Protein backbone atom coordinates (compact mmCIF):
# COMPACT_ATOMS: atom_id res chain seq x y z
CA MET A 1 25.83 3.55 16.54
CA LYS A 2 26.79 1.41 13.45
CA PHE A 3 25.38 3.98 11.20
CA ILE A 4 27.94 6.59 12.13
CA GLY A 5 30.74 4.22 11.24
CA LEU A 6 29.09 3.63 7.82
CA LEU A 7 28.37 7.25 7.17
CA GLY A 8 31.98 8.18 6.43
CA SER A 9 32.45 5.31 3.92
CA LEU A 10 29.07 6.11 2.20
CA ILE A 11 29.79 9.86 1.87
CA CYS A 12 33.07 8.84 0.11
CA ILE A 13 31.11 7.31 -2.78
CA VAL A 14 28.99 10.40 -2.74
CA CYS A 15 26.32 9.19 -5.14
CA ILE A 16 24.86 6.01 -6.06
CA SER A 17 24.84 6.83 -9.72
CA THR A 18 28.46 6.20 -9.98
CA MET A 19 27.87 2.52 -9.35
CA ALA A 20 25.18 2.43 -11.98
CA SER A 21 26.56 4.39 -14.87
CA ALA A 22 29.29 3.38 -17.12
CA GLN A 23 29.38 6.88 -18.86
CA SER A 24 32.72 8.26 -18.34
CA LEU A 25 31.39 11.85 -17.84
CA ASP A 26 29.25 10.87 -14.93
CA SER A 27 32.21 8.98 -13.41
CA GLN A 28 34.55 11.92 -13.90
CA LEU A 29 31.96 14.25 -12.34
CA SER A 30 31.61 11.98 -9.37
CA ARG A 31 35.33 11.82 -8.69
CA LEU A 32 35.76 15.57 -9.14
CA ILE A 33 32.92 16.30 -6.73
CA GLY A 34 34.03 13.73 -4.30
CA ALA A 35 37.41 15.36 -4.16
CA GLY A 36 35.86 18.68 -3.70
CA GLN A 37 37.00 20.02 -7.17
CA TYR A 38 33.65 21.68 -7.86
CA GLN A 39 34.92 24.34 -10.32
CA SER A 40 36.66 21.54 -12.35
CA ALA A 41 33.55 19.62 -12.31
CA GLN A 42 31.38 22.52 -13.32
CA THR A 43 33.61 23.15 -16.37
CA LEU A 44 33.49 19.58 -17.37
CA LEU A 45 29.60 19.62 -17.10
CA ASN A 46 29.17 22.82 -19.06
CA ALA A 47 31.25 21.38 -21.95
CA SER A 48 28.68 18.68 -22.24
CA ASN A 49 25.68 20.92 -23.27
CA PRO A 50 23.69 19.99 -20.13
CA SER A 51 19.96 20.33 -19.79
CA VAL A 52 18.38 22.30 -17.04
CA GLU A 53 17.69 19.07 -15.08
CA ASP A 54 21.48 18.15 -15.52
CA LYS A 55 22.53 21.52 -14.17
CA LEU A 56 20.07 21.00 -11.17
CA PHE A 57 21.29 17.48 -10.60
CA PHE A 58 24.92 18.80 -10.50
CA VAL A 59 23.92 21.43 -7.80
CA GLY A 60 22.16 18.65 -5.77
CA ARG A 61 25.21 16.48 -5.84
CA VAL A 62 27.49 19.24 -4.63
CA LEU A 63 25.13 20.07 -1.95
CA LYS A 64 25.10 16.37 -0.83
CA SER A 65 28.94 16.23 -0.81
CA GLN A 66 28.82 19.18 1.41
CA ARG A 67 26.40 17.41 3.85
CA GLN A 68 23.69 20.04 3.18
CA PHE A 69 21.19 17.30 2.93
CA ASP A 70 17.96 19.24 3.26
CA LYS A 71 18.81 21.53 0.40
CA ALA A 72 20.01 18.61 -1.72
CA VAL A 73 16.79 16.72 -1.15
CA ALA A 74 14.85 19.79 -2.37
CA ILE A 75 16.88 19.96 -5.43
CA PHE A 76 16.40 16.19 -6.31
CA ARG A 77 12.69 16.47 -5.64
CA GLU A 78 12.47 19.51 -7.95
CA ILE A 79 14.13 17.51 -10.68
CA LEU A 80 11.64 14.65 -10.23
CA VAL A 81 8.81 17.04 -10.54
CA ARG A 82 10.27 18.29 -13.87
CA ASP A 83 11.12 14.81 -14.99
CA PRO A 84 9.83 11.67 -13.10
CA GLY A 85 11.90 9.51 -15.31
CA TYR A 86 15.25 11.02 -14.26
CA ILE A 87 16.43 7.84 -12.44
CA ASN A 88 19.58 9.24 -11.15
CA ALA A 89 17.74 11.84 -9.15
CA ARG A 90 15.57 9.17 -7.58
CA ARG A 91 18.65 7.24 -6.47
CA GLU A 92 20.34 10.33 -5.11
CA LEU A 93 17.15 11.35 -3.23
CA ALA A 94 16.92 8.00 -1.52
CA HIS A 95 20.63 7.94 -0.68
CA THR A 96 20.60 11.52 0.69
CA MET A 97 17.60 10.62 2.85
CA MET A 98 19.55 7.73 4.27
CA LEU A 99 22.50 9.88 5.09
CA ALA A 100 20.30 12.33 6.76
CA GLN A 101 19.06 9.50 8.81
CA GLN A 102 15.53 9.87 7.67
CA PHE A 103 15.27 6.16 7.46
CA GLY A 104 11.52 5.77 6.95
CA VAL A 105 11.45 8.00 3.91
CA ALA A 106 14.62 6.54 2.49
CA GLU A 107 13.45 2.93 2.93
CA TYR A 108 10.25 3.85 1.01
CA HIS A 109 12.24 5.18 -1.90
CA PHE A 110 14.71 2.39 -1.96
CA GLU A 111 11.89 -0.19 -2.08
CA GLN A 112 10.33 1.78 -4.98
CA LEU A 113 13.64 1.76 -6.82
CA LEU A 114 14.14 -1.96 -6.13
CA ARG A 115 10.79 -2.53 -7.75
CA ASP A 116 11.13 -0.10 -10.76
CA ASP A 117 14.76 0.10 -11.53
CA PRO A 118 15.88 -2.77 -13.88
CA SER A 119 19.65 -2.18 -13.38
CA PRO A 120 21.22 -5.54 -11.97
CA THR A 121 24.07 -3.59 -10.42
CA MET A 122 21.70 -1.18 -8.79
CA GLN A 123 19.54 -4.02 -7.42
CA THR A 124 22.45 -5.23 -5.30
CA ALA A 125 23.08 -1.66 -4.11
CA TYR A 126 19.48 -1.02 -3.14
CA ARG A 127 19.42 -4.30 -1.04
CA ARG A 128 22.67 -3.23 0.71
CA PHE A 129 21.41 0.17 1.52
CA LEU A 130 17.96 -1.34 2.87
CA ALA A 131 20.10 -3.67 4.96
CA VAL A 132 21.86 -0.56 6.40
CA ILE A 133 18.63 1.13 7.11
CA ALA A 134 17.26 -2.13 8.79
CA GLN A 135 20.24 -2.17 11.16
CA ASN A 136 19.65 1.38 12.20
CA LYS A 137 15.92 1.61 12.30
CA PRO A 138 14.80 -1.36 14.43
CA ALA A 139 11.43 0.27 15.24
CA GLY A 140 9.08 2.85 13.73
CA VAL A 141 5.73 4.37 14.04
CA SER A 142 3.39 6.18 11.66
CA GLY A 143 0.11 7.86 11.96
CA SER A 144 -2.68 8.58 9.45
CA PHE A 145 -5.89 10.73 9.21
CA ALA A 146 -8.42 10.78 6.49
CA LEU A 147 -11.73 11.95 5.47
CA ALA A 148 -13.84 9.33 3.76
CA PRO A 149 -17.20 10.36 2.20
CA SER A 150 -19.34 7.30 0.98
CA SER A 151 -22.58 7.20 -0.84
CA ASN A 152 -23.34 3.84 0.84
CA VAL A 153 -21.66 3.29 4.13
CA ASN A 154 -23.53 0.08 5.00
CA ARG A 155 -23.55 -1.45 1.53
CA GLY A 156 -27.33 -1.29 1.74
CA THR A 157 -29.60 -1.86 -1.16
CA THR A 158 -31.70 0.78 -3.04
CA TYR A 159 -34.60 -1.63 -3.19
CA LYS A 160 -37.65 -1.04 -0.84
CA GLU A 161 -39.20 -4.31 -1.09
CA PHE A 162 -38.16 -8.03 -1.40
CA THR A 163 -39.96 -11.27 -2.53
CA ASP A 164 -39.56 -14.60 -0.98
CA GLU A 165 -41.57 -17.74 -0.81
CA HIS A 166 -44.09 -16.07 1.63
CA GLY A 167 -44.67 -13.17 -0.77
CA THR A 168 -43.64 -9.49 -0.80
CA GLY A 169 -42.19 -7.70 2.31
CA VAL A 170 -40.65 -4.35 3.14
CA ILE A 171 -36.95 -4.03 3.42
CA GLY A 172 -35.87 -2.84 6.93
CA GLU A 173 -34.08 0.46 7.67
CA ASP A 174 -30.83 -1.33 8.48
CA SER A 175 -30.59 -2.79 4.97
CA ILE A 176 -31.34 0.42 3.01
CA ALA A 177 -28.37 2.40 1.61
CA ARG A 178 -27.18 5.23 3.90
CA SER A 179 -24.57 7.87 3.02
CA GLY A 180 -22.17 9.42 5.35
CA ILE A 181 -18.75 11.15 5.83
CA GLY A 182 -16.36 9.11 7.89
CA VAL A 183 -13.30 10.40 9.81
CA GLN A 184 -10.68 7.84 9.79
CA ALA A 185 -7.59 7.70 12.07
CA GLY A 186 -4.80 5.15 12.73
CA VAL A 187 -1.60 4.35 14.08
CA ASN A 188 0.97 1.65 12.97
CA GLY A 189 4.20 0.58 14.21
CA PHE A 190 6.86 -2.17 13.94
CA PHE A 191 9.82 -3.77 15.65
CA ARG A 192 12.53 -5.37 13.45
CA LYS A 193 15.41 -7.61 14.04
CA THR A 194 17.85 -8.68 11.34
CA LEU A 195 18.71 -12.18 11.67
CA SER A 196 21.33 -12.46 8.83
CA PRO A 197 22.32 -10.58 5.73
CA ARG A 198 19.30 -12.33 3.85
CA SER A 199 16.69 -12.54 6.50
CA ARG A 200 14.86 -10.56 9.11
CA LEU A 201 11.92 -10.87 11.65
CA THR A 202 9.46 -8.00 11.99
CA PHE A 203 6.59 -7.54 14.40
CA ASN A 204 3.82 -5.19 13.14
CA TRP A 205 0.87 -3.79 14.96
CA SER A 206 -1.86 -1.39 13.97
CA LEU A 207 -4.96 0.31 15.31
CA GLN A 208 -7.48 1.87 12.90
CA GLY A 209 -10.88 3.31 13.46
CA VAL A 210 -13.60 5.23 11.59
CA LYS A 211 -16.31 7.54 13.04
CA TYR A 212 -19.56 8.64 11.38
CA SER A 213 -22.23 10.88 12.57
CA ASP A 214 -24.45 7.87 12.94
CA GLN A 215 -22.70 5.73 15.47
CA GLN A 216 -23.95 2.40 14.31
CA PHE A 217 -21.47 2.68 11.48
CA ASP A 218 -18.47 3.18 13.57
CA THR A 219 -15.77 0.54 13.45
CA ALA A 220 -12.32 -0.12 14.89
CA THR A 221 -9.79 -2.80 14.00
CA ALA A 222 -6.62 -3.92 15.79
CA ARG A 223 -4.05 -6.18 14.19
CA VAL A 224 -0.83 -7.78 15.35
CA SER A 225 1.51 -9.86 13.16
CA ALA A 226 4.99 -11.33 12.91
CA THR A 227 6.72 -11.67 9.60
CA TYR A 228 9.78 -13.66 8.66
CA GLN A 229 11.28 -12.37 5.38
CA ARG A 230 13.97 -14.28 3.45
CA ASN A 231 15.73 -12.64 0.47
CA THR A 232 16.97 -14.76 -2.29
CA ASP A 233 18.79 -14.26 -5.64
CA TRP A 234 15.31 -14.21 -7.51
CA GLY A 235 13.36 -12.16 -4.95
CA ASN A 236 12.02 -12.79 -1.58
CA TRP A 237 9.50 -14.80 0.40
CA THR A 238 7.55 -14.24 3.70
CA VAL A 239 5.76 -16.17 6.41
CA SER A 240 3.35 -14.24 8.62
CA PRO A 241 1.04 -15.34 11.44
CA PHE A 242 -1.47 -12.73 12.60
CA VAL A 243 -4.42 -12.04 14.86
CA ARG A 244 -7.08 -9.39 14.17
CA ASN A 245 -9.93 -8.18 16.33
CA SER A 246 -12.64 -5.74 15.19
CA TRP A 247 -15.28 -3.86 17.08
CA SER A 248 -18.56 -2.28 15.77
CA TYR A 249 -22.07 -1.50 16.78
CA PRO A 250 -24.55 -4.32 16.28
CA SER A 251 -27.48 -4.01 13.91
CA ARG A 252 -30.46 -2.73 15.65
CA SER A 253 -32.34 -5.66 14.10
CA THR A 254 -30.14 -8.16 16.08
CA LEU A 255 -30.83 -6.40 19.53
CA ASP A 256 -33.24 -7.64 22.12
CA ASP A 257 -35.75 -5.09 23.39
CA SER A 258 -33.76 -5.03 26.67
CA GLU A 259 -30.45 -4.09 24.91
CA ASP A 260 -28.92 -0.78 24.23
CA LEU A 261 -26.92 0.03 21.17
CA SER A 262 -23.40 -0.51 22.42
CA PHE A 263 -20.00 -0.84 20.95
CA SER A 264 -18.86 -4.55 21.03
CA THR A 265 -16.45 -7.04 19.75
CA SER A 266 -17.90 -8.34 16.51
CA SER A 267 -15.16 -10.65 15.37
CA THR A 268 -11.77 -12.20 16.26
CA SER A 269 -9.48 -13.84 13.64
CA PHE A 270 -6.26 -15.81 13.78
CA GLY A 271 -4.50 -16.68 10.65
CA LEU A 272 -1.28 -17.42 8.78
CA GLY A 273 -0.09 -15.93 5.39
CA TYR A 274 2.74 -16.95 2.97
CA GLY A 275 3.78 -14.88 -0.15
CA PHE A 276 6.67 -14.27 -2.47
CA GLN A 277 7.85 -11.94 -5.12
CA ARG A 278 9.96 -13.14 -7.96
CA ARG A 279 11.87 -11.23 -10.61
CA LEU A 280 11.16 -12.69 -14.12
CA SER A 281 13.37 -10.15 -15.90
CA ASP A 282 14.89 -6.68 -15.40
CA ARG A 283 11.22 -5.24 -15.99
CA ASP A 284 8.89 -8.08 -15.00
CA ARG A 285 7.93 -9.52 -11.58
CA LEU A 286 5.52 -12.11 -10.21
CA SER A 287 3.90 -12.00 -6.93
CA PHE A 288 1.84 -14.49 -4.88
CA TYR A 289 0.17 -14.59 -1.52
CA ILE A 290 -2.15 -17.06 0.26
CA SER A 291 -3.61 -16.82 3.79
CA GLY A 292 -6.02 -18.80 5.93
CA GLU A 293 -7.74 -17.63 9.09
CA LYS A 294 -10.26 -18.77 11.59
CA ARG A 295 -13.16 -16.25 12.26
CA ASP A 296 -15.34 -16.06 15.40
CA TYR A 297 -18.20 -13.56 15.72
CA THR A 298 -19.65 -12.55 18.99
CA ARG A 299 -23.26 -11.92 18.20
CA THR A 300 -23.82 -14.47 15.55
CA THR A 301 -22.54 -17.73 14.52
CA THR A 302 -23.71 -17.72 10.87
CA GLN A 303 -20.40 -16.25 9.75
CA ASP A 304 -18.07 -18.23 11.96
CA GLY A 305 -15.74 -20.58 10.17
CA THR A 306 -12.47 -20.32 8.07
CA PHE A 307 -11.68 -17.99 5.31
CA PHE A 308 -8.99 -18.55 2.65
CA TYR A 309 -7.71 -15.81 0.41
CA SER A 310 -4.97 -15.92 -2.38
CA THR A 311 -3.58 -13.52 -5.02
CA LEU A 312 -1.48 -13.96 -8.04
CA GLY A 313 -0.12 -10.93 -9.80
CA PHE A 314 2.16 -9.83 -12.66
CA GLY A 315 3.78 -6.47 -12.86
CA ARG A 316 5.65 -4.73 -15.72
CA GLN A 317 7.80 -1.55 -15.59
CA LEU A 318 7.35 -0.17 -18.97
CA ARG A 319 9.39 2.92 -18.19
CA PRO A 320 10.68 4.36 -15.00
CA ASP A 321 7.51 6.57 -14.75
CA LEU A 322 5.04 4.07 -16.14
CA ALA A 323 3.96 0.56 -14.63
CA VAL A 324 1.11 -1.90 -15.19
CA ASN A 325 -0.09 -4.65 -12.95
CA VAL A 326 -2.67 -7.43 -13.59
CA GLY A 327 -3.81 -10.06 -11.32
CA THR A 328 -6.33 -12.46 -9.90
CA GLN A 329 -7.80 -12.96 -6.44
CA LEU A 330 -9.51 -16.08 -5.08
CA GLU A 331 -11.65 -16.31 -1.85
CA TYR A 332 -13.20 -19.14 -0.10
CA HIS A 333 -15.30 -18.71 2.93
CA ARG A 334 -16.19 -21.92 4.71
CA ALA A 335 -18.96 -20.44 6.99
CA ASP A 336 -20.51 -22.82 9.54
CA ASP A 337 -23.85 -21.78 8.13
CA LYS A 338 -23.70 -22.92 4.45
CA ARG A 339 -26.07 -20.23 3.39
CA PHE A 340 -23.22 -17.78 3.98
CA ALA A 341 -20.44 -19.95 2.74
CA TYR A 342 -19.20 -18.82 -0.82
CA LYS A 343 -16.48 -19.08 -3.46
CA GLY A 344 -15.29 -15.85 -5.14
CA VAL A 345 -13.01 -14.81 -7.90
CA LYS A 346 -11.79 -11.32 -8.98
CA LEU A 347 -9.66 -10.04 -11.90
CA THR A 348 -7.69 -6.80 -11.32
CA GLY A 349 -5.64 -4.48 -13.52
CA ALA A 350 -3.88 -1.12 -12.69
CA VAL A 351 -1.76 1.54 -14.44
CA THR A 352 0.46 3.83 -12.46
CA LYS A 353 2.00 6.94 -14.09
CA SER A 354 4.26 9.80 -12.92
CA TRP A 355 3.85 13.03 -14.81
CA GLU A 356 6.21 15.77 -15.79
CA ASN A 357 4.67 18.26 -13.22
CA GLY A 358 5.36 15.73 -10.36
CA LEU A 359 1.71 14.34 -10.21
CA ARG A 360 1.51 10.50 -9.61
CA THR A 361 -1.74 8.93 -10.83
CA SER A 362 -3.10 5.34 -10.71
CA PHE A 363 -6.17 3.85 -12.29
CA GLY A 364 -7.57 0.47 -11.55
CA LEU A 365 -10.34 -1.74 -12.72
CA ASN A 366 -11.75 -5.00 -11.24
CA VAL A 367 -14.61 -7.49 -12.02
CA GLY A 368 -15.48 -10.61 -10.21
CA LYS A 369 -18.25 -12.85 -8.70
CA ARG A 370 -19.31 -14.73 -5.68
CA ASP A 371 -21.30 -17.94 -5.50
CA PHE A 372 -22.90 -19.23 -2.27
CA GLU A 373 -23.27 -22.83 -1.32
CA ASP A 374 -26.80 -23.25 0.12
CA ASN A 375 -30.28 -21.77 -0.47
CA TYR A 376 -30.67 -18.27 0.88
CA ILE A 377 -33.14 -17.60 3.81
CA LEU A 378 -36.70 -18.36 2.59
CA ARG A 379 -35.41 -18.85 -0.96
CA SER A 380 -35.24 -22.00 -3.03
CA PHE A 381 -31.90 -20.99 -4.55
CA PRO A 382 -28.46 -19.90 -3.25
CA ARG A 383 -27.25 -16.36 -3.39
CA ALA A 384 -25.14 -15.25 -6.51
CA ASP A 385 -23.45 -11.86 -6.92
CA ASP A 386 -21.42 -10.38 -9.67
CA PHE A 387 -19.65 -6.97 -9.49
CA TRP A 388 -17.21 -4.55 -11.05
CA GLY A 389 -15.42 -1.47 -9.84
CA VAL A 390 -13.01 1.28 -10.83
CA SER A 391 -10.62 3.24 -8.73
CA ALA A 392 -8.31 6.20 -9.20
CA SER A 393 -5.79 7.92 -6.96
CA LEU A 394 -3.85 11.20 -7.06
CA PHE A 395 -0.58 12.24 -5.20
CA SER A 396 1.71 15.23 -5.84
CA PRO A 397 4.94 15.65 -3.85
CA LYS A 398 4.73 19.43 -4.48
CA PHE A 399 2.29 19.64 -1.63
CA GLU A 400 4.41 17.70 0.68
CA PHE A 401 5.23 19.55 4.03
CA LYS A 402 7.55 18.12 6.69
CA GLY A 403 6.93 14.57 5.34
CA ILE A 404 3.22 14.91 5.17
CA ALA A 405 1.31 15.09 1.83
CA PRO A 406 -2.24 14.62 1.01
CA ARG A 407 -3.34 11.59 -1.12
CA LEU A 408 -6.70 11.40 -2.81
CA SER A 409 -8.32 8.06 -3.88
CA CYS A 410 -11.78 7.37 -5.14
CA SER A 411 -13.66 4.26 -6.13
CA TYR A 412 -16.99 3.07 -7.56
CA THR A 413 -18.40 -0.46 -7.15
CA ARG A 414 -21.56 -1.91 -8.70
CA ASN A 415 -22.86 -5.08 -7.14
CA ARG A 416 -25.81 -7.13 -8.55
CA SER A 417 -27.30 -10.15 -6.99
CA ASN A 418 -30.28 -12.52 -7.21
CA ILE A 419 -31.18 -11.39 -3.70
CA GLU A 420 -32.55 -7.96 -3.37
CA PHE A 421 -30.71 -7.11 -0.18
CA PHE A 422 -27.34 -7.19 -1.93
CA ILE A 423 -28.22 -5.03 -5.04
CA TYR A 424 -26.16 -1.83 -4.54
CA ASN A 425 -23.82 0.88 -5.94
CA VAL A 426 -21.32 2.59 -3.84
CA SER A 427 -19.03 5.73 -4.55
CA GLU A 428 -16.29 6.50 -2.01
CA CYS A 429 -13.32 8.87 -1.73
CA ARG A 430 -10.59 9.25 0.70
CA ILE A 431 -8.40 12.22 1.40
CA ALA A 432 -5.54 10.98 3.60
CA LEU A 433 -2.64 12.43 5.47
CA THR A 434 0.28 9.98 6.64
CA ARG A 435 3.19 10.91 8.86
CA ASN A 436 6.13 8.68 9.71
CA PHE A 437 7.70 9.31 13.23
């Protein structure tokens, strides 16, 4: 295994921070620890009036050099709970995970560091370590489980009546807001092949489903894609063809009298996406993604057609523990039935923060609109929607157990429309557990 050959040389350098720090103290400590001269290193550290975190960091480095990886990981995580901005502890955590051959977790942390750490020297190191992981982890599988309560599962309206050119009518049961608690489960996997030091090909697959007490809201989605990624001096770009199939129960209103409510294919999509991420500076990055897909629906032709989607985002890492992101999203659905064809735009913003107690929080805001092309059913005007929403998420590594930690995310959306059927509010939360295998 290539990894075993690399392991010895990687342990010799002992810790990544040696490459990143020009401080003579850190360099001296690294050399002493690497040579096994722990007492001399301890004496040198004590003479520098170290903080509690510095002392813990020293212990973690010693444990790492002794290949006591589990204990070292626990120490580095404790430091980050105390001080999320302790960048050397984040580097050592990722590197120790890699040496322990916990490639999935190591890959996640190196990718986060690649995004958040402005050090040009470390950017090169992170890419090198990610390449090592890619060579030694050609495949992977992860599973997820979540509870997802929703105040409006079907995005139904709170209105009881509607008015069209024939007068006033009663809105059917299928279009009225219904609440419920969904149980979500999913499995994801990938097969990866490194093509060159700067490029790789990845095949991804996923199967996700949600189950409610009322089976008409149950859904399942399968997706398969192939992604070619090319790393450059300024960032990276990707090209990804994909196919997606979804299953759901048809609306009772679309069934014939002779039909039963049965689980069936509701849509199939074939598409292609392209995206890139570009570093603008040590702290700033630009991202772009665009995709197009052909959608075919089984039980109706009104939604058949092509769908185009694009995003443009800007992110700034204000500090190692604080980041902001803003962006815009564009949608264009060229449905065969022009009453359902629309153009949409959405503006987004988010702030992510790591706190001293280890808690990681994110808060987001979005606002947008959709304008449809042709007059709505029995109306003399096309449908027009506007909406806004907020979201928040919480995660704490203190509750992590054997690679599993709960994540809580909640959102609220307010949609308004000139068609009564599409005036609704929805509040949702998701308590999720994810595990890499």
